[in-house]
PDB file of N, CA and C in Angstrom:
ATOM      1  N   MET A   1     108.019 112.156 102.086  1.00  0.00           N
ATOM      2  CA  MET A   1     107.606 111.945 100.787  1.00  0.00           C
ATOM      3  C   MET A   1     106.269 111.945 100.466  1.00  0.00           C
ATOM      4  N   THR A   2     105.875 112.309  99.114  1.00  0.00           N
ATOM      5  CA  THR A   2     104.329 112.771  98.896  1.00  0.00           C
ATOM      6  C   THR A   2     103.636 111.238  98.799  1.00  0.00           C
ATOM      7  N   LYS A   3     102.324 111.004  98.786  1.00  0.00           N
ATOM      8  CA  LYS A   3     101.825 109.886  98.364  1.00  0.00           C
ATOM      9  C   LYS A   3     101.170 109.904  96.849  1.00  0.00           C
ATOM     10  N   SER A   4     100.996 108.858  96.268  1.00  0.00           N
ATOM     11  CA  SER A   4     100.343 109.030  95.136  1.00  0.00           C
ATOM     12  C   SER A   4      98.840 109.162  95.191  1.00  0.00           C
ATOM     13  N   ARG A   5      98.123 109.470  94.129  1.00  0.00           N
ATOM     14  CA  ARG A   5      96.659 109.654  94.197  1.00  0.00           C
ATOM     15  C   ARG A   5      96.003 108.178  94.680  1.00  0.00           C
ATOM     16  N   PRO A   6      96.550 106.924  94.343  1.00  0.00           N
ATOM     17  CA  PRO A   6      96.045 105.544  94.402  1.00  0.00           C
ATOM     18  C   PRO A   6      95.912 105.479  95.947  1.00  0.00           C
ATOM     19  N   GLU A   7      97.210 105.735  96.680  1.00  0.00           N
ATOM     20  CA  GLU A   7      97.423 105.678  98.059  1.00  0.00           C
ATOM     21  C   GLU A   7      96.522 106.712  98.649  1.00  0.00           C
ATOM     22  N   ILE A   8      96.162 108.012  98.165  1.00  0.00           N
ATOM     23  CA  ILE A   8      95.395 108.937  99.040  1.00  0.00           C
ATOM     24  C   ILE A   8      94.082 108.408  98.928  1.00  0.00           C
ATOM     25  N   LEU A   9      93.646 107.772  97.744  1.00  0.00           N
ATOM     26  CA  LEU A   9      92.202 107.190  97.375  1.00  0.00           C
ATOM     27  C   LEU A   9      92.043 105.979  98.448  1.00  0.00           C
ATOM     28  N   GLY A  10      93.277 105.016  98.682  1.00  0.00           N
ATOM     29  CA  GLY A  10      92.881 103.962  99.298  1.00  0.00           C
ATOM     30  C   GLY A  10      92.944 104.283 100.851  1.00  0.00           C
ATOM     31  N   ASN A  11      93.713 105.266 101.280  1.00  0.00           N
ATOM     32  CA  ASN A  11      93.430 105.588 102.752  1.00  0.00           C
ATOM     33  C   ASN A  11      92.399 106.347 103.116  1.00  0.00           C
ATOM     34  N   TYR A  12      91.566 106.925 102.138  1.00  0.00           N
ATOM     35  CA  TYR A  12      90.349 107.630 102.254  1.00  0.00           C
ATOM     36  C   TYR A  12      89.333 106.699 102.587  1.00  0.00           C
ATOM     37  N   LEU A  13      89.359 105.790 101.501  1.00  0.00           N
ATOM     38  CA  LEU A  13      88.352 104.524 101.685  1.00  0.00           C
ATOM     39  C   LEU A  13      88.206 103.739 102.955  1.00  0.00           C
ATOM     40  N   LEU A  14      89.311 103.486 103.248  1.00  0.00           N
ATOM     41  CA  LEU A  14      89.732 102.841 104.613  1.00  0.00           C
ATOM     42  C   LEU A  14      89.298 103.598 105.806  1.00  0.00           C
ATOM     43  N   GLU A  15      89.613 104.803 105.754  1.00  0.00           N
ATOM     44  CA  GLU A  15      89.136 105.769 106.862  1.00  0.00           C
ATOM     45  C   GLU A  15      88.040 105.723 107.143  1.00  0.00           C
ATOM     46  N   ASN A  16      87.319 106.080 106.032  1.00  0.00           N
ATOM     47  CA  ASN A  16      85.935 106.526 106.084  1.00  0.00           C
ATOM     48  C   ASN A  16      84.817 105.233 105.701  1.00  0.00           C
ATOM     49  N   LYS A  17      85.453 103.926 105.308  1.00  0.00           N
ATOM     50  CA  LYS A  17      84.614 103.020 104.771  1.00  0.00           C
ATOM     51  C   LYS A  17      83.401 103.281 103.944  1.00  0.00           C
ATOM     52  N   SER A  18      84.064 104.091 102.839  1.00  0.00           N
ATOM     53  CA  SER A  18      83.020 104.544 101.833  1.00  0.00           C
ATOM     54  C   SER A  18      83.071 103.693 100.491  1.00  0.00           C
ATOM     55  N   THR A  19      82.342 103.999  99.922  1.00  0.00           N
ATOM     56  CA  THR A  19      82.150 103.358  98.445  1.00  0.00           C
ATOM     57  C   THR A  19      83.011 103.813  97.483  1.00  0.00           C
ATOM     58  N   ILE A  20      83.183 103.389  96.393  1.00  0.00           N
ATOM     59  CA  ILE A  20      84.018 103.849  95.469  1.00  0.00           C
ATOM     60  C   ILE A  20      83.241 105.291  94.631  1.00  0.00           C
ATOM     61  N   ARG A  21      81.934 105.138  94.596  1.00  0.00           N
ATOM     62  CA  ARG A  21      80.868 106.494  94.457  1.00  0.00           C
ATOM     63  C   ARG A  21      81.135 107.610  95.146  1.00  0.00           C
ATOM     64  N   GLN A  22      81.348 107.257  96.655  1.00  0.00           N
ATOM     65  CA  GLN A  22      81.244 108.386  97.465  1.00  0.00           C
ATOM     66  C   GLN A  22      82.755 108.918  97.253  1.00  0.00           C
ATOM     67  N   THR A  23      83.584 108.165  97.041  1.00  0.00           N
ATOM     68  CA  THR A  23      84.968 108.496  97.043  1.00  0.00           C
ATOM     69  C   THR A  23      85.178 109.300  95.811  1.00  0.00           C
ATOM     70  N   ALA A  24      84.723 108.966  94.748  1.00  0.00           N
ATOM     71  CA  ALA A  24      84.982 109.609  93.637  1.00  0.00           C
ATOM     72  C   ALA A  24      84.126 110.858  93.537  1.00  0.00           C
ATOM     73  N   GLN A  25      83.277 111.156  94.324  1.00  0.00           N
ATOM     74  CA  GLN A  25      82.487 112.394  94.255  1.00  0.00           C
ATOM     75  C   GLN A  25      83.271 113.437  95.220  1.00  0.00           C
ATOM     76  N   VAL A  26      83.892 112.802  96.657  1.00  0.00           N
ATOM     77  CA  VAL A  26      84.884 113.579  97.144  1.00  0.00           C
ATOM     78  C   VAL A  26      85.741 114.277  96.674  1.00  0.00           C
ATOM     79  N   PHE A  27      86.591 113.480  95.567  1.00  0.00           N
ATOM     80  CA  PHE A  27      87.904 114.057  94.963  1.00  0.00           C
ATOM     81  C   PHE A  27      87.534 114.545  93.712  1.00  0.00           C
ATOM     82  N   SER A  28      86.142 114.559  93.164  1.00  0.00           N
ATOM     83  CA  SER A  28      85.636 114.879  91.729  1.00  0.00           C
ATOM     84  C   SER A  28      86.348 114.232  90.936  1.00  0.00           C
ATOM     85  N   LEU A  29      86.552 112.828  90.970  1.00  0.00           N
ATOM     86  CA  LEU A  29      87.004 111.966  89.900  1.00  0.00           C
ATOM     87  C   LEU A  29      85.728 110.876  89.428  1.00  0.00           C
ATOM     88  N   SER A  30      86.036 110.600  88.135  1.00  0.00           N
ATOM     89  CA  SER A  30      85.250 109.227  88.068  1.00  0.00           C
ATOM     90  C   SER A  30      85.005 108.125  88.478  1.00  0.00           C
ATOM     91  N   LYS A  31      83.992 107.466  88.744  1.00  0.00           N
ATOM     92  CA  LYS A  31      84.030 106.060  89.542  1.00  0.00           C
ATOM     93  C   LYS A  31      85.115 105.238  88.857  1.00  0.00           C
ATOM     94  N   SER A  32      85.318 105.412  87.376  1.00  0.00           N
ATOM     95  CA  SER A  32      86.237 104.413  86.493  1.00  0.00           C
ATOM     96  C   SER A  32      87.701 104.753  87.285  1.00  0.00           C
ATOM     97  N   THR A  33      87.880 105.988  87.330  1.00  0.00           N
ATOM     98  CA  THR A  33      89.213 106.577  87.574  1.00  0.00           C
ATOM     99  C   THR A  33      89.655 105.914  89.124  1.00  0.00           C
ATOM    100  N   VAL A  34      88.816 106.126  90.064  1.00  0.00           N
ATOM    101  CA  VAL A  34      88.779 105.551  91.549  1.00  0.00           C
ATOM    102  C   VAL A  34      89.079 103.957  91.541  1.00  0.00           C
ATOM    103  N   HIS A  35      88.128 103.415  90.717  1.00  0.00           N
ATOM    104  CA  HIS A  35      88.236 102.012  90.759  1.00  0.00           C
ATOM    105  C   HIS A  35      89.745 101.393  90.216  1.00  0.00           C
ATOM    106  N   ILE A  36      89.927 101.934  88.970  1.00  0.00           N
ATOM    107  CA  ILE A  36      91.204 101.452  88.757  1.00  0.00           C
ATOM    108  C   ILE A  36      92.453 101.911  89.516  1.00  0.00           C
ATOM    109  N   ASP A  37      92.519 102.988  90.096  1.00  0.00           N
ATOM    110  CA  ASP A  37      93.525 103.461  91.154  1.00  0.00           C
ATOM    111  C   ASP A  37      93.648 102.540  92.284  1.00  0.00           C
ATOM    112  N   VAL A  38      92.319 102.142  92.901  1.00  0.00           N
ATOM    113  CA  VAL A  38      92.553 101.456  94.226  1.00  0.00           C
ATOM    114  C   VAL A  38      92.601 100.146  93.751  1.00  0.00           C
ATOM    115  N   SER A  39      92.171  99.540  92.686  1.00  0.00           N
ATOM    116  CA  SER A  39      92.298  98.001  92.389  1.00  0.00           C
ATOM    117  C   SER A  39      93.372  97.488  91.551  1.00  0.00           C
ATOM    118  N   LYS A  40      93.784  98.438  90.692  1.00  0.00           N
ATOM    119  CA  LYS A  40      95.036  97.817  89.939  1.00  0.00           C
ATOM    120  C   LYS A  40      96.208  98.651  90.065  1.00  0.00           C
ATOM    121  N   ARG A  41      96.380  99.832  90.164  1.00  0.00           N
ATOM    122  CA  ARG A  41      97.554 100.807  90.477  1.00  0.00           C
ATOM    123  C   ARG A  41      98.104 100.485  91.973  1.00  0.00           C
ATOM    124  N   LEU A  42      97.081 100.624  92.754  1.00  0.00           N
ATOM    125  CA  LEU A  42      97.567 100.434  94.413  1.00  0.00           C
ATOM    126  C   LEU A  42      98.144  99.216  94.646  1.00  0.00           C
ATOM    127  N   LYS A  43      97.591  98.105  93.872  1.00  0.00           N
ATOM    128  CA  LYS A  43      98.320  96.827  94.111  1.00  0.00           C
ATOM    129  C   LYS A  43      99.798  97.047  93.740  1.00  0.00           C
ATOM    130  N   LYS A  44     100.460  97.784  92.925  1.00  0.00           N
ATOM    131  CA  LYS A  44     101.667  97.840  92.261  1.00  0.00           C
ATOM    132  C   LYS A  44     102.677  98.720  93.116  1.00  0.00           C
ATOM    133  N   ILE A  45     101.645  99.641  93.767  1.00  0.00           N
ATOM    134  CA  ILE A  45     102.227 100.908  94.487  1.00  0.00           C
ATOM    135  C   ILE A  45     102.677 100.463  96.022  1.00  0.00           C
ATOM    136  N   ASN A  46     101.528  99.806  96.519  1.00  0.00           N
ATOM    137  CA  ASN A  46     101.526  99.771  98.124  1.00  0.00           C
ATOM    138  C   ASN A  46     100.661  98.510  98.147  1.00  0.00           C
ATOM    139  N   TYR A  47     101.220  97.340  98.320  1.00  0.00           N
ATOM    140  CA  TYR A  47     100.300  96.141  98.533  1.00  0.00           C
ATOM    141  C   TYR A  47      99.679  95.753  99.732  1.00  0.00           C
ATOM    142  N   PRO A  48     100.312  96.135 100.915  1.00  0.00           N
ATOM    143  CA  PRO A  48      99.514  95.889 102.031  1.00  0.00           C
ATOM    144  C   PRO A  48      98.436  96.877 102.327  1.00  0.00           C
ATOM    145  N   LEU A  49      98.679  97.987 101.619  1.00  0.00           N
ATOM    146  CA  LEU A  49      97.244  99.120 101.493  1.00  0.00           C
ATOM    147  C   LEU A  49      96.251  98.335 100.810  1.00  0.00           C
ATOM    148  N   PHE A  50      96.552  97.932  99.752  1.00  0.00           N
ATOM    149  CA  PHE A  50      95.647  97.424  98.678  1.00  0.00           C
ATOM    150  C   PHE A  50      95.197  96.101  99.285  1.00  0.00           C
ATOM    151  N   LEU A  51      95.528  95.459 100.140  1.00  0.00           N
ATOM    152  CA  LEU A  51      94.860  94.321 100.707  1.00  0.00           C
ATOM    153  C   LEU A  51      93.980  94.751 101.623  1.00  0.00           C
ATOM    154  N   GLU A  52      94.029  95.749 102.550  1.00  0.00           N
ATOM    155  CA  GLU A  52      92.980  96.544 103.305  1.00  0.00           C
ATOM    156  C   GLU A  52      91.712  97.028 102.625  1.00  0.00           C
ATOM    157  N   VAL A  53      92.256  97.443 101.426  1.00  0.00           N
ATOM    158  CA  VAL A  53      91.250  98.398 100.707  1.00  0.00           C
ATOM    159  C   VAL A  53      90.274  97.293 100.125  1.00  0.00           C
ATOM    160  N   LYS A  54      91.008  96.145  99.983  1.00  0.00           N
ATOM    161  CA  LYS A  54      90.342  95.282  99.076  1.00  0.00           C
ATOM    162  C   LYS A  54      89.005  94.367  99.894  1.00  0.00           C
ATOM    163  N   LYS A  55      89.287  94.344 101.191  1.00  0.00           N
ATOM    164  CA  LYS A  55      88.461  94.074 101.949  1.00  0.00           C
ATOM    165  C   LYS A  55      87.147  94.874 101.867  1.00  0.00           C
ATOM    166  N   ILE A  56      87.395  96.351 102.089  1.00  0.00           N
ATOM    167  CA  ILE A  56      86.129  97.194 101.847  1.00  0.00           C
ATOM    168  C   ILE A  56      85.351  97.278 100.607  1.00  0.00           C
ATOM    169  N   LEU A  57      86.381  96.788  99.545  1.00  0.00           N
ATOM    170  CA  LEU A  57      85.489  96.482  98.390  1.00  0.00           C
ATOM    171  C   LEU A  57      84.791  95.468  98.130  1.00  0.00           C
ATOM    172  N   ASP A  58      85.393  94.489  98.688  1.00  0.00           N
ATOM    173  CA  ASP A  58      84.530  93.162  98.442  1.00  0.00           C
ATOM    174  C   ASP A  58      83.094  93.093  99.352  1.00  0.00           C
ATOM    175  N   PHE A  59      83.307  93.910 100.653  1.00  0.00           N
ATOM    176  CA  PHE A  59      82.313  93.919 101.466  1.00  0.00           C
ATOM    177  C   PHE A  59      81.181  94.812 100.870  1.00  0.00           C
ATOM    178  N   ASN A  60      81.697  95.969 100.357  1.00  0.00           N
ATOM    179  CA  ASN A  60      80.665  96.853  99.293  1.00  0.00           C
ATOM    180  C   ASN A  60      80.095  96.018  98.209  1.00  0.00           C
ATOM    181  N   PHE A  61      80.773  95.172  97.373  1.00  0.00           N
ATOM    182  CA  PHE A  61      80.360  94.345  96.422  1.00  0.00           C
ATOM    183  C   PHE A  61      79.298  93.469  96.758  1.00  0.00           C
ATOM    184  N   LYS A  62      79.521  92.924  98.164  1.00  0.00           N
ATOM    185  CA  LYS A  62      78.423  92.085  98.703  1.00  0.00           C
ATOM    186  C   LYS A  62      77.246  92.761  99.062  1.00  0.00           C
ATOM    187  N   GLU A  63      77.058  93.915  99.526  1.00  0.00           N
ATOM    188  CA  GLU A  63      76.344  94.615  99.847  1.00  0.00           C
ATOM    189  C   GLU A  63      75.236  95.476  99.020  1.00  0.00           C
ATOM    190  N   ARG A  64      75.949  95.398  97.724  1.00  0.00           N
ATOM    191  CA  ARG A  64      75.137  96.424  96.951  1.00  0.00           C
ATOM    192  C   ARG A  64      73.786  96.106  96.483  1.00  0.00           C
ATOM    193  N   ASN A  65      73.354  94.779  96.640  1.00  0.00           N
ATOM    194  CA  ASN A  65      72.095  94.422  96.173  1.00  0.00           C
ATOM    195  C   ASN A  65      71.239  94.691  97.298  1.00  0.00           C
ATOM    196  N   LYS A  66      71.483  94.519  98.629  1.00  0.00           N
ATOM    197  CA  LYS A  66      70.717  95.174  99.544  1.00  0.00           C
ATOM    198  C   LYS A  66      70.785  96.547  99.542  1.00  0.00           C
ATOM    199  N   ARG A  67      71.666  97.371  99.191  1.00  0.00           N
ATOM    200  CA  ARG A  67      71.203  98.883  99.199  1.00  0.00           C
ATOM    201  C   ARG A  67      70.452  99.127  98.171  1.00  0.00           C
ATOM    202  N   GLY A  68      70.612  98.464  97.043  1.00  0.00           N
ATOM    203  CA  GLY A  68      69.922  98.951  95.853  1.00  0.00           C
ATOM    204  C   GLY A  68      68.606  98.556  96.054  1.00  0.00           C
ATOM    205  N   GLY A  69      68.197  97.376  96.819  1.00  0.00           N
ATOM    206  CA  GLY A  69      67.013  96.980  96.965  1.00  0.00           C
ATOM    207  C   GLY A  69      66.340  97.869  98.038  1.00  0.00           C
ATOM    208  N   TYR A  70      67.140  98.597  99.110  1.00  0.00           N
ATOM    209  CA  TYR A  70      66.275  99.534 100.199  1.00  0.00           C
ATOM    210  C   TYR A  70      66.134 100.655  99.365  1.00  0.00           C
ATOM    211  N   ALA A  71      66.852 101.209  98.705  1.00  0.00           N
ATOM    212  CA  ALA A  71      66.707 102.325  97.848  1.00  0.00           C
ATOM    213  C   ALA A  71      65.360 102.249  97.035  1.00  0.00           C
ATOM    214  N   THR A  72      65.142 101.258  96.355  1.00  0.00           N
ATOM    215  CA  THR A  72      63.997 100.949  95.656  1.00  0.00           C
ATOM    216  C   THR A  72      62.791 101.024  96.410  1.00  0.00           C
ATOM    217  N   LYS A  73      62.737 100.363  97.754  1.00  0.00           N
ATOM    218  CA  LYS A  73      61.559 100.161  98.758  1.00  0.00           C
ATOM    219  C   LYS A  73      61.497 101.702  99.079  1.00  0.00           C
ATOM    220  N   ILE A  74      62.328 102.350  99.331  1.00  0.00           N
ATOM    221  CA  ILE A  74      61.994 103.801  99.958  1.00  0.00           C
ATOM    222  C   ILE A  74      61.361 104.546  98.711  1.00  0.00           C
ATOM    223  N   LYS A  75      62.014 104.561  97.585  1.00  0.00           N
ATOM    224  CA  LYS A  75      61.324 105.226  96.177  1.00  0.00           C
ATOM    225  C   LYS A  75      59.790 104.927  96.308  1.00  0.00           C
ATOM    226  N   TYR A  76      59.469 103.650  96.294  1.00  0.00           N
ATOM    227  CA  TYR A  76      58.112 103.293  96.120  1.00  0.00           C
ATOM    228  C   TYR A  76      57.250 103.778  97.096  1.00  0.00           C
ATOM    229  N   LEU A  77      57.690 103.660  98.486  1.00  0.00           N
ATOM    230  CA  LEU A  77      57.108 104.009  99.706  1.00  0.00           C
ATOM    231  C   LEU A  77      56.876 105.538  99.694  1.00  0.00           C
ATOM    232  N   LYS A  78      57.828 106.511  99.002  1.00  0.00           N
ATOM    233  CA  LYS A  78      57.796 107.881  98.835  1.00  0.00           C
ATOM    234  C   LYS A  78      56.395 107.919  97.889  1.00  0.00           C
ATOM    235  N   LEU A  79      56.524 107.509  96.866  1.00  0.00           N
ATOM    236  CA  LEU A  79      55.433 107.645  95.799  1.00  0.00           C
ATOM    237  C   LEU A  79      53.997 107.097  96.140  1.00  0.00           C
ATOM    238  N   LYS A  80      54.247 106.172  97.011  1.00  0.00           N
ATOM    239  CA  LYS A  80      52.671 105.578  97.462  1.00  0.00           C
ATOM    240  C   LYS A  80      52.152 106.736  98.589  1.00  0.00           C
ATOM    241  N   GLU A  81      53.026 107.326  99.542  1.00  0.00           N
ATOM    242  CA  GLU A  81      52.617 108.378 100.129  1.00  0.00           C
ATOM    243  C   GLU A  81      52.010 109.581  99.339  1.00  0.00           C
ATOM    244  N   LYS A  82      52.773 109.898  98.076  1.00  0.00           N
ATOM    245  CA  LYS A  82      52.369 111.214  97.515  1.00  0.00           C
ATOM    246  C   LYS A  82      51.099 110.900  96.693  1.00  0.00           C
ATOM    247  N   GLY A  83      50.896 109.617  96.530  1.00  0.00           N
ATOM    248  CA  GLY A  83      49.803 109.358  95.398  1.00  0.00           C
ATOM    249  C   GLY A  83      48.558 108.909  96.170  1.00  0.00           C
TER     250      GLY A  83
END
């Protein structure tokens, strides 16, 4: 039996602990498409997989402020080195 796109995306997220953005780049899809597939469609298709993926999404959601802050810090450190 072939897997649906939401299942493929969900499995990829789980195996690689990736973000929606990273997953979208790998599959050449928009972030919106990936988000809808793994948060809404997957829930109806494969609920146990959805629950596992939701843990990753929740973790990434909590970490995004830290990641953004770190990226900004690096950006300004690089600018300081140049100037």
